[in-house]
C-alpha atoms as a PDB file:
ATOM      1  CA  UNK A   1       1.793  -4.565  21.558  1.00  0.00           C
ATOM      2  CA  UNK A   2       1.924  -6.976  18.562  1.00  0.00           C
ATOM      3  CA  UNK A   3       5.751  -7.528  18.227  1.00  0.00           C
ATOM      4  CA  UNK A   4       4.557 -11.701  18.089  1.00  0.00           C
ATOM      5  CA  UNK A   5       2.839 -10.898  14.867  1.00  0.00           C
ATOM      6  CA  UNK A   6       5.251  -8.487  13.692  1.00  0.00           C
ATOM      7  CA  UNK A   7       7.920 -10.526  14.185  1.00  0.00           C
ATOM      8  CA  UNK A   8       5.751 -13.361  12.169  1.00  0.00           C
ATOM      9  CA  UNK A   9       4.685 -11.444   9.698  1.00  0.00           C
ATOM     10  CA  UNK A  10       8.600 -10.596   9.095  1.00  0.00           C
ATOM     11  CA  UNK A  11       9.067 -14.552   8.597  1.00  0.00           C
ATOM     12  CA  UNK A  12       6.740 -14.643   6.533  1.00  0.00           C
ATOM     13  CA  UNK A  13       7.572 -12.178   4.251  1.00  0.00           C
ATOM     14  CA  UNK A  14      11.232 -13.838   4.216  1.00  0.00           C
ATOM     15  CA  UNK A  15       9.717 -16.403   2.472  1.00  0.00           C
ATOM     16  CA  UNK A  16       7.340 -15.204   0.464  1.00  0.00           C
ATOM     17  CA  UNK A  17      10.099 -12.897  -0.731  1.00  0.00           C
ATOM     18  CA  UNK A  18      12.231 -15.838  -1.503  1.00  0.00           C
ATOM     19  CA  UNK A  19       9.138 -17.587  -3.349  1.00  0.00           C
ATOM     20  CA  UNK A  20       8.535 -14.691  -5.306  1.00  0.00           C
ATOM     21  CA  UNK A  21      12.354 -14.004  -6.651  1.00  0.00           C
ATOM     22  CA  UNK A  22      12.621 -17.663  -7.452  1.00  0.00           C
ATOM     23  CA  UNK A  23      10.003 -16.773 -10.451  1.00  0.00           C
ATOM     24  CA  UNK A  24      10.772 -13.223 -10.881  1.00  0.00           C
ATOM     25  CA  UNK A  25      12.542 -12.564 -14.725  1.00  0.00           C
ATOM     26  CA  UNK A  26      11.942 -16.052 -15.302  1.00  0.00           C
ATOM     27  CA  UNK A  27       9.474 -17.769 -17.430  1.00  0.00           C
ATOM     28  CA  UNK A  28       5.684 -18.240 -15.845  1.00  0.00           C
ATOM     29  CA  UNK A  29       1.745 -18.197 -16.836  1.00  0.00           C
ATOM     30  CA  UNK A  30       0.133 -14.903 -16.756  1.00  0.00           C
ATOM     31  CA  UNK A  31      -3.795 -14.881 -17.237  1.00  0.00           C
ATOM     32  CA  UNK A  32      -6.219 -12.122 -16.752  1.00  0.00           C
ATOM     33  CA  UNK A  33      -8.809 -12.184 -14.078  1.00  0.00           C
ATOM     34  CA  UNK A  34     -12.430 -11.028 -15.012  1.00  0.00           C
ATOM     35  CA  UNK A  35     -11.580  -8.016 -13.278  1.00  0.00           C
ATOM     36  CA  UNK A  36      -8.855  -7.392 -16.165  1.00  0.00           C
ATOM     37  CA  UNK A  37      -6.091  -7.544 -13.417  1.00  0.00           C
ATOM     38  CA  UNK A  38      -3.053 -10.076 -14.017  1.00  0.00           C
ATOM     39  CA  UNK A  39      -2.424 -12.944 -11.732  1.00  0.00           C
ATOM     40  CA  UNK A  40       0.778 -15.038 -11.794  1.00  0.00           C
ATOM     41  CA  UNK A  41       1.747 -18.152 -10.603  1.00  0.00           C
ATOM     42  CA  UNK A  42       3.861 -16.477  -8.068  1.00  0.00           C
ATOM     43  CA  UNK A  43       1.031 -14.627  -6.906  1.00  0.00           C
ATOM     44  CA  UNK A  44      -0.838 -18.092  -6.323  1.00  0.00           C
ATOM     45  CA  UNK A  45       2.221 -19.726  -4.582  1.00  0.00           C
ATOM     46  CA  UNK A  46       3.009 -16.814  -2.300  1.00  0.00           C
ATOM     47  CA  UNK A  47      -0.360 -16.862  -0.682  1.00  0.00           C
ATOM     48  CA  UNK A  48      -1.079 -20.305  -0.776  1.00  0.00           C
ATOM     49  CA  UNK A  49       2.358 -20.205   1.338  1.00  0.00           C
ATOM     50  CA  UNK A  50       0.754 -17.308   3.442  1.00  0.00           C
ATOM     51  CA  UNK A  51      -2.520 -18.813   4.310  1.00  0.00           C
ATOM     52  CA  UNK A  52      -0.691 -22.292   4.946  1.00  0.00           C
ATOM     53  CA  UNK A  53       1.791 -20.407   7.649  1.00  0.00           C
ATOM     54  CA  UNK A  54      -0.974 -18.263   9.024  1.00  0.00           C
ATOM     55  CA  UNK A  55      -3.075 -21.566   9.791  1.00  0.00           C
ATOM     56  CA  UNK A  56      -0.855 -23.115  11.395  1.00  0.00           C
ATOM     57  CA  UNK A  57       0.250 -20.639  13.773  1.00  0.00           C
ATOM     58  CA  UNK A  58      -2.771 -18.601  14.576  1.00  0.00           C
ATOM     59  CA  UNK A  59      -5.749 -20.773  13.474  1.00  0.00           C
ATOM     60  CA  UNK A  60      -8.413 -18.730  15.240  1.00  0.00           C
ATOM     61  CA  UNK A  61      -7.735 -15.952  12.948  1.00  0.00           C
ATOM     62  CA  UNK A  62      -9.263 -14.892   9.918  1.00  0.00           C
ATOM     63  CA  UNK A  63      -7.197 -14.480   6.146  1.00  0.00           C
ATOM     64  CA  UNK A  64      -8.377 -11.978   3.455  1.00  0.00           C
ATOM     65  CA  UNK A  65      -6.249 -12.333   0.111  1.00  0.00           C
ATOM     66  CA  UNK A  66      -6.684 -10.882  -3.409  1.00  0.00           C
ATOM     67  CA  UNK A  67      -6.262 -14.093  -5.081  1.00  0.00           C
ATOM     68  CA  UNK A  68      -8.668 -16.339  -2.315  1.00  0.00           C
ATOM     69  CA  UNK A  69     -10.500 -14.025  -0.904  1.00  0.00           C
ATOM     70  CA  UNK A  70     -11.806 -14.171   2.878  1.00  0.00           C
ATOM     71  CA  UNK A  71     -11.357 -17.657   4.801  1.00  0.00           C
ATOM     72  CA  UNK A  72     -12.257 -17.548   8.548  1.00  0.00           C
ATOM     73  CA  UNK A  73     -14.514 -15.145  10.901  1.00  0.00           C
ATOM     74  CA  UNK A  74     -12.677 -13.477  13.626  1.00  0.00           C
ATOM     75  CA  UNK A  75     -11.919  -9.877  15.024  1.00  0.00           C
ATOM     76  CA  UNK A  76      -8.439 -10.604  13.695  1.00  0.00           C
ATOM     77  CA  UNK A  77      -7.847 -10.583  10.342  1.00  0.00           C
ATOM     78  CA  UNK A  78      -4.593 -11.241   8.385  1.00  0.00           C
ATOM     79  CA  UNK A  79      -4.756  -9.348   5.119  1.00  0.00           C
ATOM     80  CA  UNK A  80      -2.467 -10.239   2.458  1.00  0.00           C
ATOM     81  CA  UNK A  81      -1.269  -9.183  -1.373  1.00  0.00           C
ATOM     82  CA  UNK A  82       0.743 -12.088  -2.420  1.00  0.00           C
ATOM     83  CA  UNK A  83       2.299  -9.175  -5.183  1.00  0.00           C
ATOM     84  CA  UNK A  84       1.651  -5.581  -5.086  1.00  0.00           C
ATOM     85  CA  UNK A  85       2.646  -4.660  -8.754  1.00  0.00           C
ATOM     86  CA  UNK A  86       1.968  -7.996 -10.184  1.00  0.00           C
ATOM     87  CA  UNK A  87       1.846  -5.604 -13.655  1.00  0.00           C
ATOM     88  CA  UNK A  88       5.511  -4.597 -13.054  1.00  0.00           C
ATOM     89  CA  UNK A  89       6.546  -8.194 -11.507  1.00  0.00           C
ATOM     90  CA  UNK A  90       5.431  -9.505 -14.987  1.00  0.00           C
ATOM     91  CA  UNK A  91       7.540  -7.065 -17.011  1.00  0.00           C
ATOM     92  CA  UNK A  92      10.420  -7.317 -15.262  1.00  0.00           C
ATOM     93  CA  UNK A  93      10.186  -4.373 -13.219  1.00  0.00           C
ATOM     94  CA  UNK A  94      11.691  -4.518  -9.955  1.00  0.00           C
ATOM     95  CA  UNK A  95       9.098  -2.105  -8.083  1.00  0.00           C
ATOM     96  CA  UNK A  96       6.903  -4.867  -6.370  1.00  0.00           C
ATOM     97  CA  UNK A  97       6.269  -6.002  -2.774  1.00  0.00           C
ATOM     98  CA  UNK A  98       4.806  -8.782  -0.793  1.00  0.00           C
ATOM     99  CA  UNK A  99       2.158  -6.772   1.628  1.00  0.00           C
ATOM    100  CA  UNK A 100       1.474  -8.541   4.786  1.00  0.00           C
ATOM    101  CA  UNK A 101      -1.070  -6.454   7.702  1.00  0.00           C
ATOM    102  CA  UNK A 102      -2.762  -7.636  10.529  1.00  0.00           C
ATOM    103  CA  UNK A 103      -6.279  -5.759  11.220  1.00  0.00           C
ATOM    104  CA  UNK A 104      -7.835  -5.922  14.841  1.00  0.00           C
ATOM    105  CA  UNK A 105     -11.440  -4.894  14.690  1.00  0.00           C
ATOM    106  CA  UNK A 106     -11.092  -3.343  11.174  1.00  0.00           C
ATOM    107  CA  UNK A 107      -8.285  -1.439  12.231  1.00  0.00           C
ATOM    108  CA  UNK A 108      -4.712  -2.513  10.564  1.00  0.00           C
ATOM    109  CA  UNK A 109      -2.067  -2.640  13.254  1.00  0.00           C
ATOM    110  CA  UNK A 110       0.770  -4.652  11.938  1.00  0.00           C
ATOM    111  CA  UNK A 111       2.230  -3.607   8.374  1.00  0.00           C
ATOM    112  CA  UNK A 112       4.642  -5.590   6.708  1.00  0.00           C
ATOM    113  CA  UNK A 113       5.934  -4.235   3.269  1.00  0.00           C
ATOM    114  CA  UNK A 114       8.502  -6.317   1.440  1.00  0.00           C
ATOM    115  CA  UNK A 115      10.487  -5.281  -1.588  1.00  0.00           C
ATOM    116  CA  UNK A 116      12.837  -7.680  -2.113  1.00  0.00           C
ATOM    117  CA  UNK A 117      13.965  -6.835  -5.308  1.00  0.00           C
ATOM    118  CA  UNK A 118      14.491  -3.274  -4.457  1.00  0.00           C
ATOM    119  CA  UNK A 119      16.232  -4.770  -1.153  1.00  0.00           C
ATOM    120  CA  UNK A 120      13.846  -3.049   0.951  1.00  0.00           C
ATOM    121  CA  UNK A 121      11.688  -3.929   3.790  1.00  0.00           C
ATOM    122  CA  UNK A 122       9.289  -1.433   5.857  1.00  0.00           C
ATOM    123  CA  UNK A 123       7.715  -2.440   8.800  1.00  0.00           C
ATOM    124  CA  UNK A 124       5.476  -0.855  11.341  1.00  0.00           C
ATOM    125  CA  UNK A 125       3.086  -1.816  14.561  1.00  0.00           C
ATOM    126  CA  UNK A 126       0.780   0.093  16.322  1.00  0.00           C
ATOM    127  CA  UNK A 127       2.377   2.632  18.272  1.00  0.00           C
ATOM    128  CA  UNK A 128       6.119   1.268  17.823  1.00  0.00           C
ATOM    129  CA  UNK A 129       7.044   3.481  14.892  1.00  0.00           C
ATOM    130  CA  UNK A 130       7.918   2.599  11.467  1.00  0.00           C
ATOM    131  CA  UNK A 131      11.235   1.132  10.414  1.00  0.00           C
ATOM    132  CA  UNK A 132      12.991   0.488   6.826  1.00  0.00           C
ATOM    133  CA  UNK A 133      15.195  -1.958   7.237  1.00  0.00           C
ATOM    134  CA  UNK A 134      15.230  -2.007  10.443  1.00  0.00           C
ATOM    135  CA  UNK A 135      15.918   1.478  10.863  1.00  0.00           C
ATOM    136  CA  UNK A 136      13.291   4.258  11.885  1.00  0.00           C
ATOM    137  CA  UNK A 137      11.735   6.490   9.163  1.00  0.00           C
ATOM    138  CA  UNK A 138       9.717   9.630   9.452  1.00  0.00           C
ATOM    139  CA  UNK A 139       7.793  11.478   6.960  1.00  0.00           C
ATOM    140  CA  UNK A 140       9.210  15.026   6.057  1.00  0.00           C
ATOM    141  CA  UNK A 141       8.801  18.447   7.376  1.00  0.00           C
ATOM    142  CA  UNK A 142       7.373  20.329   4.437  1.00  0.00           C
ATOM    143  CA  UNK A 143       4.402  22.133   4.985  1.00  0.00           C
ATOM    144  CA  UNK A 144       3.770  24.025   1.677  1.00  0.00           C
ATOM    145  CA  UNK A 145       2.390  22.340  -1.551  1.00  0.00           C
ATOM    146  CA  UNK A 146       5.462  24.242  -3.896  1.00  0.00           C
ATOM    147  CA  UNK A 147       7.569  22.585  -1.517  1.00  0.00           C
ATOM    148  CA  UNK A 148       6.067  19.114  -1.920  1.00  0.00           C
ATOM    149  CA  UNK A 149       7.127  16.137  -4.167  1.00  0.00           C
ATOM    150  CA  UNK A 150       3.336  14.748  -5.097  1.00  0.00           C
ATOM    151  CA  UNK A 151       3.366  11.506  -6.619  1.00  0.00           C
ATOM    152  CA  UNK A 152       0.145   9.695  -8.051  1.00  0.00           C
ATOM    153  CA  UNK A 153      -0.949   6.559  -9.834  1.00  0.00           C
ATOM    154  CA  UNK A 154      -3.692   5.704 -12.314  1.00  0.00           C
ATOM    155  CA  UNK A 155      -3.612   8.887 -14.336  1.00  0.00           C
ATOM    156  CA  UNK A 156      -6.577   8.118 -16.643  1.00  0.00           C
ATOM    157  CA  UNK A 157      -8.903   8.210 -13.814  1.00  0.00           C
ATOM    158  CA  UNK A 158      -7.220  10.755 -12.479  1.00  0.00           C
ATOM    159  CA  UNK A 159      -7.469  13.285 -15.208  1.00  0.00           C
ATOM    160  CA  UNK A 160     -10.893  11.694 -16.867  1.00  0.00           C
ATOM    161  CA  UNK A 161     -12.774  11.829 -13.600  1.00  0.00           C
ATOM    162  CA  UNK A 162     -14.174  14.431 -11.025  1.00  0.00           C
ATOM    163  CA  UNK A 163     -10.902  14.998  -9.649  1.00  0.00           C
ATOM    164  CA  UNK A 164      -9.141  16.503 -13.174  1.00  0.00           C
ATOM    165  CA  UNK A 165      -9.063  20.226 -12.049  1.00  0.00           C
ATOM    166  CA  UNK A 166      -7.891  20.014  -8.861  1.00  0.00           C
ATOM    167  CA  UNK A 167      -5.194  17.314  -9.592  1.00  0.00           C
ATOM    168  CA  UNK A 168      -4.034  19.298 -12.683  1.00  0.00           C
ATOM    169  CA  UNK A 169      -3.829  22.662 -10.104  1.00  0.00           C
ATOM    170  CA  UNK A 170      -1.942  20.722  -7.377  1.00  0.00           C
ATOM    171  CA  UNK A 171       0.797  19.056  -9.409  1.00  0.00           C
ATOM    172  CA  UNK A 172       1.226  22.168 -11.479  1.00  0.00           C
ATOM    173  CA  UNK A 173       2.169  24.067  -7.948  1.00  0.00           C
ATOM    174  CA  UNK A 174       4.241  21.010  -6.596  1.00  0.00           C
ATOM    175  CA  UNK A 175       7.899  21.363  -6.294  1.00  0.00           C
ATOM    176  CA  UNK A 176       7.817  18.145  -8.145  1.00  0.00           C
ATOM    177  CA  UNK A 177       5.386  15.373  -9.272  1.00  0.00           C
ATOM    178  CA  UNK A 178       5.929  11.718 -10.350  1.00  0.00           C
ATOM    179  CA  UNK A 179       3.749   8.851 -11.432  1.00  0.00           C
ATOM    180  CA  UNK A 180       4.733   5.696  -9.172  1.00  0.00           C
ATOM    181  CA  UNK A 181       1.856   3.366  -9.066  1.00  0.00           C
ATOM    182  CA  UNK A 182       1.772   0.416  -6.408  1.00  0.00           C
ATOM    183  CA  UNK A 183       3.011   0.255  -2.888  1.00  0.00           C
ATOM    184  CA  UNK A 184       6.118   2.185  -3.687  1.00  0.00           C
ATOM    185  CA  UNK A 185       4.733   5.848  -3.695  1.00  0.00           C
ATOM    186  CA  UNK A 186       3.349   5.531  -0.208  1.00  0.00           C
ATOM    187  CA  UNK A 187       6.376   4.179   1.107  1.00  0.00           C
ATOM    188  CA  UNK A 188       8.592   7.577   0.075  1.00  0.00           C
ATOM    189  CA  UNK A 189       6.152   9.363   1.715  1.00  0.00           C
ATOM    190  CA  UNK A 190       6.609   7.362   4.912  1.00  0.00           C
ATOM    191  CA  UNK A 191      10.116   7.705   4.345  1.00  0.00           C
ATOM    192  CA  UNK A 192      10.177  11.399   3.797  1.00  0.00           C
ATOM    193  CA  UNK A 193      11.206  11.296  -0.062  1.00  0.00           C
ATOM    194  CA  UNK A 194       8.013  12.588  -0.931  1.00  0.00           C
ATOM    195  CA  UNK A 195       4.890  14.320   0.681  1.00  0.00           C
ATOM    196  CA  UNK A 196       1.817  13.309  -0.921  1.00  0.00           C
ATOM    197  CA  UNK A 197       0.550   9.977  -3.064  1.00  0.00           C
ATOM    198  CA  UNK A 198      -2.796  10.167  -4.650  1.00  0.00           C
ATOM    199  CA  UNK A 199      -4.688   6.986  -5.806  1.00  0.00           C
ATOM    200  CA  UNK A 200      -8.323   7.009  -7.232  1.00  0.00           C
ATOM    201  CA  UNK A 201      -9.178   3.358  -5.959  1.00  0.00           C
ATOM    202  CA  UNK A 202      -7.512   0.553  -3.765  1.00  0.00           C
ATOM    203  CA  UNK A 203      -9.019  -2.560  -2.673  1.00  0.00           C
ATOM    204  CA  UNK A 204      -8.322  -3.407   1.243  1.00  0.00           C
ATOM    205  CA  UNK A 205      -5.404  -5.780   0.550  1.00  0.00           C
ATOM    206  CA  UNK A 206      -3.497  -2.933  -1.758  1.00  0.00           C
ATOM    207  CA  UNK A 207      -3.610  -0.349   1.607  1.00  0.00           C
ATOM    208  CA  UNK A 208      -3.980  -1.856   4.831  1.00  0.00           C
ATOM    209  CA  UNK A 209      -0.003  -2.679   5.141  1.00  0.00           C
ATOM    210  CA  UNK A 210       0.369   0.700   3.799  1.00  0.00           C
ATOM    211  CA  UNK A 211      -1.582   2.468   5.985  1.00  0.00           C
ATOM    212  CA  UNK A 212      -0.008   1.273   8.832  1.00  0.00           C
ATOM    213  CA  UNK A 213       3.712   2.253   7.551  1.00  0.00           C
ATOM    214  CA  UNK A 214       2.522   5.605   6.696  1.00  0.00           C
ATOM    215  CA  UNK A 215       0.738   6.642   9.876  1.00  0.00           C
ATOM    216  CA  UNK A 216       3.486   5.361  12.184  1.00  0.00           C
ATOM    217  CA  UNK A 217       6.024   7.174  10.110  1.00  0.00           C
ATOM    218  CA  UNK A 218       3.807  10.271  11.184  1.00  0.00           C
ATOM    219  CA  UNK A 219       2.107  10.425   8.216  1.00  0.00           C
ATOM    220  CA  UNK A 220      -1.836  10.566   7.541  1.00  0.00           C
ATOM    221  CA  UNK A 221      -3.854   7.956   5.103  1.00  0.00           C
ATOM    222  CA  UNK A 222      -7.853   8.969   4.210  1.00  0.00           C
ATOM    223  CA  UNK A 223      -9.435   8.886   1.337  1.00  0.00           C
ATOM    224  CA  UNK A 224      -9.470  11.885  -0.979  1.00  0.00           C
ATOM    225  CA  UNK A 225     -12.228  13.338   1.009  1.00  0.00           C
ATOM    226  CA  UNK A 226     -10.532  13.084   4.275  1.00  0.00           C
ATOM    227  CA  UNK A 227     -12.666  10.357   5.045  1.00  0.00           C
ATOM    228  CA  UNK A 228     -11.872   6.555   6.455  1.00  0.00           C
ATOM    229  CA  UNK A 229     -10.525   4.027   3.614  1.00  0.00           C
ATOM    230  CA  UNK A 230     -13.006   0.876   2.653  1.00  0.00           C
ATOM    231  CA  UNK A 231     -12.430  -1.372   0.072  1.00  0.00           C
ATOM    232  CA  UNK A 232     -11.925   0.205  -3.475  1.00  0.00           C
ATOM    233  CA  UNK A 233     -11.909   3.612  -1.935  1.00  0.00           C
ATOM    234  CA  UNK A 234      -9.391   6.366  -2.836  1.00  0.00           C
ATOM    235  CA  UNK A 235      -6.072   6.728  -0.638  1.00  0.00           C
ATOM    236  CA  UNK A 236      -4.425   9.647   0.001  1.00  0.00           C
ATOM    237  CA  UNK A 237      -1.049   9.282   2.185  1.00  0.00           C
ATOM    238  CA  UNK A 238       0.463  12.302   3.074  1.00  0.00           C
ATOM    239  CA  UNK A 239       3.178  13.592   5.470  1.00  0.00           C
ATOM    240  CA  UNK A 240       0.303  14.871   7.604  1.00  0.00           C
ATOM    241  CA  UNK A 241       0.935  18.506   7.544  1.00  0.00           C
ATOM    242  CA  UNK A 242      -0.115  18.826   3.766  1.00  0.00           C
ATOM    243  CA  UNK A 243      -3.212  16.601   4.373  1.00  0.00           C
ATOM    244  CA  UNK A 244      -5.692  18.936   5.343  1.00  0.00           C
ATOM    245  CA  UNK A 245      -4.812  21.450   2.201  1.00  0.00           C
ATOM    246  CA  UNK A 246      -4.806  18.591  -0.297  1.00  0.00           C
ATOM    247  CA  UNK A 247      -7.735  16.942   0.929  1.00  0.00           C
ATOM    248  CA  UNK A 248      -9.813  20.529   0.875  1.00  0.00           C
ATOM    249  CA  UNK A 249      -8.278  20.904  -2.887  1.00  0.00           C
ATOM    250  CA  UNK A 250      -9.896  17.305  -3.670  1.00  0.00           C
ATOM    251  CA  UNK A 251     -12.661  18.235  -2.278  1.00  0.00           C
ATOM    252  CA  UNK A 252     -13.593  21.566  -3.871  1.00  0.00           C
ATOM    253  CA  UNK A 253     -12.848  20.251  -7.083  1.00  0.00           C
ATOM    254  CA  UNK A 254     -15.256  17.371  -6.691  1.00  0.00           C
ATOM    255  CA  UNK A 255     -17.838  19.873  -5.757  1.00  0.00           C
ATOM    256  CA  UNK A 256     -16.900  22.129  -8.496  1.00  0.00           C
ATOM    257  CA  UNK A 257     -17.706  19.586 -10.954  1.00  0.00           C
ATOM    258  CA  UNK A 258     -20.700  17.707  -9.224  1.00  0.00           C
END
């Protein structure tokens, strides 16, 4: 299922990556949005291209993008983050990606995570598995926290909020921990290089494509409490084997501070 949509998403990623790379490490305008996040000329150019291409190829489908919001009304909705990791992009750091997903009845079923500056493209569609540069990937088999490599983003929120004690305990017990923000931490989980990635809050366009790849690689993706993702919710990606344990710890830590 969704072979045509995945193929088209890959075509979109080819051009989106080319457009973004034409700006990367060059001179371009960066401005601050009302939510204080940055947006660059590259973000605008990539999203404009993707919207125009989708309008031509799938005119009945809706499109939700970070920069221009929702267009259309359909049970099929394409979800686009033109450059995930805009701060990295603006700073000349190569960890950024074009995120393209398709959701049907609000469930993401196609995901493409294109990181041209890293030379990596992660792709997945429902019930077809996940791939990195065309090769199948799978989550790790680690089933104990002391064997786990735990990744995280937004440290001030994690340390300043209700998850502080459980987060500190988790990374203290883990085999290894690092702060890898944006898409890449989730993709490291999907390919078996790490076991868990924690982010306190992500927009739909930040997690839709990631969720498909992680789940098709055999992992699990939920909120910190184990519930379904929503716009602005926390996001926990794991190899699946450690998911229940990490959710338990995060939930108990939140309850203890409540």
